[in-house]
Amino acid sequence: MDNPIKAVVSRERDQNMFAELSAAHRVLLENAQEQRDGYFYEFLSCLILAAFKFEAFLNHIGPRLLPYWEQMERLPHKNKLVIITTHLKITPDVGCRPYQTLSDLFKARDAVAHGKPMSLIHDRVVETDHIETMRRRGKYGDILLID
């Protein structure tokens, strides 16, 4: 290759964020299910991507249904869902799946997105032959004996 040819190559393609996020969500979920070290963080990432994926889904179908969709860009996902379901003449029952799942999903996403310190309390039943063994270990906190 004595004289290499240089060229500027341009191309254009549409990117479907709903499809991209769906693929990313699937990969993370498969990896998390293998439960390798750090799988908790893969599940956490899955949760966040599931919320992003749903919002991308709304933004994917919205413009196909409503020509003024761009004007609703900054609306919360709940409002966008109401607009789409109203347009399609669907009355969602938010107390049932899949709508109930969406509510739980976005509560979890918001908890991560707006993370604050919190105290966690964990109760468990521990069996031992000697109560003094638990006291000496000091890792059980307050002990309540169960008959």
Foldseek 3Di string as FASTA:
>chain_A
DVDDDDDDDDDDDDDQVLVVLVVLLVVLVVVLVVVDPPSVVSVVVSLLSVLVNLQSVLVVCVCVQDVCVVVCVPPDPVVSVVVVCVSVVHDDDCVDPPNVVNVVSVVSNVCVVVPDDDDDDDDDDDDDPDPVVVVVVVPRPDDDDDD
